[in-house]
Amino acid sequence: MIKFIKKFLYSSYIKKSIISLLSFPIIYLAAIINFIFKQRINPLSNIFGEILIIGSGPSLSRLNQDIINNHDFIIFLNSAFQTKKIFDFSKKKVFLMIWDNFRLQDSILKNEESKNLIKDMHLIINPINFYKLDVYIKAIIRFSCKKTILFPYPRFYLPWRNPSKQLLKSFITSELPKKKHLLKPHVNIFGCIFILPRTIALCAFYLVLTSRNKLNLITFVGCDFKGQEASTLIKKQFSSTSLNNVKIILWFNVLKKIANKRQIKVQRIL
């Protein structure tokens, strides 16, 4: 039985690795093309003032029109864009950031109502793996809205280092940032960005800090970091995944310190 499990784990790792190796040159060819034809590859490089980041956690129920009106730019995370059916965002510059290929494929690509909701947004696709290339290609083709794909820095993962995680890994995976990278958040000239673990809220926080304009406030709502069910404001089928709250808070606090050094106020509405 143990031999069978090991064989299964390794075969899954090998399968994902083969797909990743085939996808890797295609992804970075797209990055080079992106660099050639787009002068500004970071869609958040020009944001300023007050930024509102909206997740799909339980605290999303505390969102109201006054909070929205008091911010200059809105960033939806994954399925939180459904709040557009409830509140007025027409006077705001709105972004939608997605890194989860499951939500991208099942919640948006297959849902015509969702496509209509995001048509006026700037879609930021931030994939966390290299073996779901087909999902991201479908998004590029099918969405009529503005689109930007930010690519993860690659890391080469050997299976014997941590066998228990092989189902979630492939030979090419995403590189986590080191402290020196956090101190100077950036998107490189080809659209590559470091992927922060466990929740897209951290990646959005990092990406916002890449702006070199004057930021006064970054507000998080619906970002509870507790792995609970999604807010009742959006469809039941969308829910947060199981998260390690302690580790997320540690990463969050590091980014918060960086923001505070730039005299940016950071708050979470819980």
Protein backbone atom coordinates (compact mmCIF):
# COMPACT_ATOMS: atom_id res chain seq x y z
CA MET A 1 0.00 0.00 0.00
CA ILE A 2 2.81 2.40 0.90
CA LYS A 3 4.56 1.62 -2.37
CA PHE A 4 1.34 2.31 -4.27
CA ILE A 5 0.88 5.70 -2.56
CA LYS A 6 4.48 6.66 -3.26
CA LYS A 7 4.07 5.64 -6.89
CA PHE A 8 0.90 7.70 -7.16
CA LEU A 9 2.54 10.75 -5.60
CA TYR A 10 5.53 10.54 -7.88
CA SER A 11 3.39 9.98 -10.97
CA SER A 12 1.35 13.08 -10.10
CA TYR A 13 4.54 15.04 -9.60
CA ILE A 14 5.91 13.77 -12.92
CA LYS A 15 2.69 14.55 -14.78
CA LYS A 16 2.55 18.12 -13.46
CA SER A 17 6.27 18.54 -14.09
CA ILE A 18 5.95 17.55 -17.75
CA ILE A 19 3.07 19.99 -18.26
CA SER A 20 5.03 22.70 -16.43
CA LEU A 21 8.12 22.14 -18.56
CA LEU A 22 6.02 22.43 -21.71
CA SER A 23 4.19 25.51 -20.40
CA PHE A 24 7.26 27.29 -19.06
CA PRO A 25 8.66 28.55 -22.41
CA ILE A 26 5.18 29.50 -23.62
CA ILE A 27 4.48 31.53 -20.49
CA TYR A 28 7.75 33.44 -20.70
CA LEU A 29 7.41 33.96 -24.43
CA ALA A 30 4.11 35.63 -23.55
CA ALA A 31 5.97 37.69 -20.94
CA ILE A 32 8.47 38.89 -23.56
CA ILE A 33 5.65 39.74 -25.98
CA ASN A 34 3.90 41.58 -23.15
CA PHE A 35 7.08 43.59 -22.56
CA ILE A 36 7.49 44.46 -26.24
CA PHE A 37 3.93 45.64 -26.88
CA LYS A 38 3.02 47.18 -23.51
CA GLN A 39 5.08 49.95 -22.01
CA ARG A 40 3.43 49.65 -18.60
CA ILE A 41 3.16 46.02 -17.49
CA ASN A 42 2.21 46.80 -13.89
CA PRO A 43 -1.45 47.89 -13.91
CA LEU A 44 -1.18 49.31 -10.38
CA SER A 45 1.91 51.44 -11.00
CA ASN A 46 -0.14 54.62 -11.20
CA ILE A 47 -2.61 54.16 -8.36
CA PHE A 48 -2.61 56.77 -5.61
CA GLY A 49 -4.55 58.01 -2.59
CA GLU A 50 -6.89 55.60 -0.82
CA ILE A 51 -7.02 51.94 -1.93
CA LEU A 52 -9.80 49.49 -0.99
CA ILE A 53 -9.04 45.75 -1.27
CA ILE A 54 -12.19 43.61 -1.14
CA GLY A 55 -12.09 39.89 -0.35
CA SER A 56 -14.92 37.39 0.01
CA GLY A 57 -14.64 36.59 3.74
CA PRO A 58 -17.39 37.08 6.36
CA SER A 59 -16.39 40.68 7.14
CA LEU A 60 -17.46 41.61 3.60
CA SER A 61 -20.92 42.06 5.14
CA ARG A 62 -19.57 45.27 6.72
CA LEU A 63 -18.94 46.85 3.34
CA ASN A 64 -21.17 49.84 2.59
CA GLN A 65 -21.41 52.60 0.02
CA ASP A 66 -19.73 55.18 2.28
CA ILE A 67 -16.61 52.99 2.58
CA ILE A 68 -16.50 52.64 -1.21
CA ASN A 69 -16.98 56.38 -1.78
CA ASN A 70 -14.08 57.20 0.56
CA HIS A 71 -11.55 55.32 -1.57
CA ASP A 72 -10.03 56.18 -4.95
CA PHE A 73 -9.27 52.70 -6.32
CA ILE A 74 -10.98 49.34 -5.78
CA ILE A 75 -9.29 45.92 -6.01
CA PHE A 76 -11.58 42.87 -5.96
CA LEU A 77 -10.05 39.53 -5.00
CA ASN A 78 -11.40 36.44 -6.75
CA SER A 79 -15.20 36.16 -6.35
CA ALA A 80 -15.63 39.41 -4.39
CA PHE A 81 -16.45 41.16 -7.67
CA GLN A 82 -20.05 39.96 -7.19
CA THR A 83 -20.60 42.84 -4.77
CA LYS A 84 -20.80 44.98 -7.90
CA LYS A 85 -24.41 43.77 -8.12
CA ILE A 86 -25.13 45.39 -4.74
CA PHE A 87 -23.08 48.60 -4.59
CA ASP A 88 -22.24 51.40 -7.01
CA PHE A 89 -18.64 51.33 -8.25
CA SER A 90 -19.29 53.32 -11.44
CA LYS A 91 -17.19 56.32 -10.38
CA LYS A 92 -14.20 54.23 -9.31
CA LYS A 93 -11.27 52.69 -11.13
CA VAL A 94 -11.81 48.99 -10.50
CA PHE A 95 -9.42 46.03 -10.73
CA LEU A 96 -10.10 42.32 -10.34
CA MET A 97 -7.21 40.15 -9.19
CA ILE A 98 -7.38 36.37 -9.59
CA TRP A 99 -4.70 33.75 -8.89
CA ASP A 100 -6.87 30.68 -8.40
CA ASN A 101 -7.37 28.76 -11.66
CA PHE A 102 -10.34 26.90 -10.11
CA ARG A 103 -12.26 30.14 -9.52
CA LEU A 104 -11.17 31.51 -12.87
CA GLN A 105 -12.44 28.48 -14.77
CA ASP A 106 -15.56 27.44 -12.87
CA SER A 107 -16.74 30.77 -11.47
CA ILE A 108 -16.07 33.16 -14.34
CA LEU A 109 -15.27 31.41 -17.60
CA LYS A 110 -18.42 29.29 -17.37
CA ASN A 111 -20.66 32.07 -16.06
CA GLU A 112 -22.04 34.67 -18.49
CA GLU A 113 -23.34 36.91 -15.70
CA SER A 114 -19.85 37.05 -14.20
CA LYS A 115 -18.33 37.95 -17.57
CA ASN A 116 -20.72 40.89 -17.82
CA LEU A 117 -19.89 42.05 -14.30
CA ILE A 118 -16.16 42.25 -15.00
CA LYS A 119 -16.26 43.71 -18.52
CA ASP A 120 -15.51 47.23 -17.25
CA MET A 121 -12.77 46.13 -14.85
CA HIS A 122 -9.05 45.67 -15.38
CA LEU A 123 -8.42 41.96 -14.88
CA ILE A 124 -5.12 40.99 -13.24
CA ILE A 125 -4.39 37.28 -13.58
CA ASN A 126 -1.65 36.17 -11.20
CA PRO A 127 -1.22 32.39 -11.65
CA ILE A 128 0.52 30.45 -8.90
CA ASN A 129 1.45 27.40 -10.95
CA PHE A 130 2.75 26.45 -14.37
CA TYR A 131 0.59 23.40 -15.10
CA LYS A 132 -2.80 25.08 -15.71
CA LEU A 133 -1.78 27.07 -18.76
CA ASP A 134 -4.96 26.24 -20.69
CA VAL A 135 -7.14 28.02 -18.11
CA TYR A 136 -5.22 31.26 -18.46
CA ILE A 137 -5.18 31.07 -22.26
CA LYS A 138 -8.99 30.72 -22.21
CA ALA A 139 -9.22 33.83 -20.03
CA ILE A 140 -7.07 35.84 -22.43
CA ILE A 141 -9.22 34.80 -25.39
CA ARG A 142 -12.69 35.05 -23.85
CA PHE A 143 -12.55 38.19 -21.73
CA SER A 144 -13.21 41.48 -23.50
CA CYS A 145 -12.02 43.60 -20.57
CA LYS A 146 -8.50 44.94 -20.10
CA LYS A 147 -6.19 42.13 -19.05
CA THR A 148 -2.77 41.85 -17.47
CA ILE A 149 -1.00 38.61 -16.63
CA LEU A 150 1.68 38.76 -13.96
CA PHE A 151 4.01 35.78 -14.02
CA PRO A 152 5.51 34.05 -10.97
CA TYR A 153 9.24 33.80 -10.57
CA PRO A 154 10.09 30.13 -11.14
CA ARG A 155 11.54 27.80 -8.54
CA PHE A 156 12.76 24.29 -9.29
CA TYR A 157 11.31 21.78 -6.83
CA LEU A 158 12.78 18.33 -6.23
CA PRO A 159 10.30 15.70 -4.95
CA TRP A 160 12.43 14.12 -2.27
CA ARG A 161 12.75 17.39 -0.33
CA ASN A 162 9.19 17.20 0.92
CA PRO A 163 7.31 14.11 -0.32
CA SER A 164 4.10 15.01 1.52
CA LYS A 165 3.59 18.03 -0.76
CA GLN A 166 4.20 16.42 -4.12
CA LEU A 167 0.54 16.51 -5.09
CA LEU A 168 0.68 20.31 -4.95
CA LYS A 169 4.05 20.69 -6.61
CA SER A 170 5.82 20.18 -9.89
CA PHE A 171 9.43 20.50 -10.98
CA ILE A 172 8.79 24.17 -11.77
CA THR A 173 6.81 26.00 -9.11
CA SER A 174 6.51 29.55 -7.75
CA GLU A 175 9.34 31.22 -5.86
CA LEU A 176 8.56 32.78 -2.48
CA PRO A 177 10.06 36.21 -1.78
CA LYS A 178 12.93 36.71 0.63
CA LYS A 179 13.11 39.60 3.08
CA LYS A 180 15.12 41.75 0.65
CA HIS A 181 12.36 41.36 -1.96
CA LEU A 182 9.68 42.43 0.50
CA LEU A 183 11.59 45.58 1.39
CA LYS A 184 11.36 46.78 -2.22
CA PRO A 185 8.14 45.44 -3.79
CA HIS A 186 8.39 45.42 -7.56
CA VAL A 187 7.20 43.92 -10.83
CA ASN A 188 10.09 43.34 -13.20
CA ILE A 189 10.20 44.48 -16.82
CA PHE A 190 8.71 41.19 -18.06
CA GLY A 191 5.78 41.23 -15.64
CA CYS A 192 7.23 38.80 -13.09
CA ILE A 193 6.23 39.16 -9.45
CA PHE A 194 6.89 37.17 -6.30
CA ILE A 195 3.96 35.06 -5.10
CA LEU A 196 3.17 35.38 -1.41
CA PRO A 197 1.68 32.21 0.08
CA ARG A 198 -1.72 31.10 1.33
CA THR A 199 -3.99 33.97 0.27
CA ILE A 200 -4.31 36.33 -2.66
CA ALA A 201 -4.82 39.23 -0.22
CA LEU A 202 -1.08 39.15 0.53
CA CYS A 203 -0.25 39.26 -3.18
CA ALA A 204 -2.61 42.20 -3.66
CA PHE A 205 -1.02 44.01 -0.71
CA TYR A 206 2.44 43.43 -2.19
CA LEU A 207 1.32 44.58 -5.65
CA VAL A 208 -0.24 47.78 -4.27
CA LEU A 209 3.06 48.60 -2.58
CA THR A 210 4.80 48.50 -5.98
CA SER A 211 3.15 51.85 -6.76
CA ARG A 212 5.63 54.72 -6.44
CA ASN A 213 2.89 57.32 -6.18
CA LYS A 214 1.66 58.77 -2.91
CA LEU A 215 -0.55 56.23 -1.13
CA ASN A 216 -2.42 57.44 1.96
CA LEU A 217 -4.53 54.47 2.98
CA ILE A 218 -4.92 50.76 2.21
CA THR A 219 -8.14 49.25 3.56
CA PHE A 220 -8.97 45.53 3.64
CA VAL A 221 -12.53 44.26 3.95
CA GLY A 222 -13.57 40.63 3.52
CA CYS A 223 -9.97 39.58 4.22
CA ASP A 224 -10.42 37.66 7.47
CA PHE A 225 -7.63 35.09 7.04
CA LYS A 226 -9.63 32.44 8.91
CA GLY A 227 -10.70 29.99 6.21
CA GLN A 228 -14.39 30.56 6.92
CA GLU A 229 -17.35 30.48 4.57
CA ALA A 230 -17.69 33.35 2.16
CA SER A 231 -19.83 36.33 3.09
CA THR A 232 -23.58 36.05 2.58
CA LEU A 233 -23.31 39.05 0.24
CA ILE A 234 -22.05 36.73 -2.50
CA LYS A 235 -23.12 33.31 -3.71
CA LYS A 236 -22.78 30.40 -1.32
CA GLN A 237 -20.67 28.42 -3.80
CA PHE A 238 -17.78 30.85 -3.34
CA SER A 239 -15.93 30.19 -0.11
CA SER A 240 -12.55 30.81 1.42
CA THR A 241 -10.11 27.93 1.59
CA SER A 242 -8.58 26.51 4.74
CA LEU A 243 -5.88 28.91 5.87
CA ASN A 244 -3.19 29.12 8.52
CA ASN A 245 -4.13 32.40 10.17
CA VAL A 246 -0.94 32.78 12.23
CA LYS A 247 1.44 32.55 9.27
CA ILE A 248 -0.70 34.85 7.15
CA ILE A 249 -0.73 37.50 9.89
CA LEU A 250 3.07 37.27 10.12
CA TRP A 251 3.42 37.98 6.39
CA PHE A 252 0.75 40.69 6.60
CA ASN A 253 2.54 42.47 9.45
CA VAL A 254 5.83 42.50 7.50
CA LEU A 255 4.10 44.25 4.60
CA LYS A 256 2.29 46.57 7.01
CA LYS A 257 5.62 47.71 8.48
CA ILE A 258 6.89 48.47 4.97
CA ALA A 259 3.72 50.49 4.31
CA ASN A 260 4.05 52.39 7.60
CA LYS A 261 7.63 53.37 6.75
CA ARG A 262 6.19 55.02 3.66
CA GLN A 263 3.61 56.73 5.88
CA ILE A 264 0.78 54.64 4.46
CA LYS A 265 -2.00 53.81 6.89
CA VAL A 266 -3.21 50.20 6.76
CA GLN A 267 -6.51 49.06 8.24
CA ARG A 268 -8.66 45.94 8.25
CA ILE A 269 -12.43 46.15 8.63
CA LEU A 270 -13.47 43.07 10.65
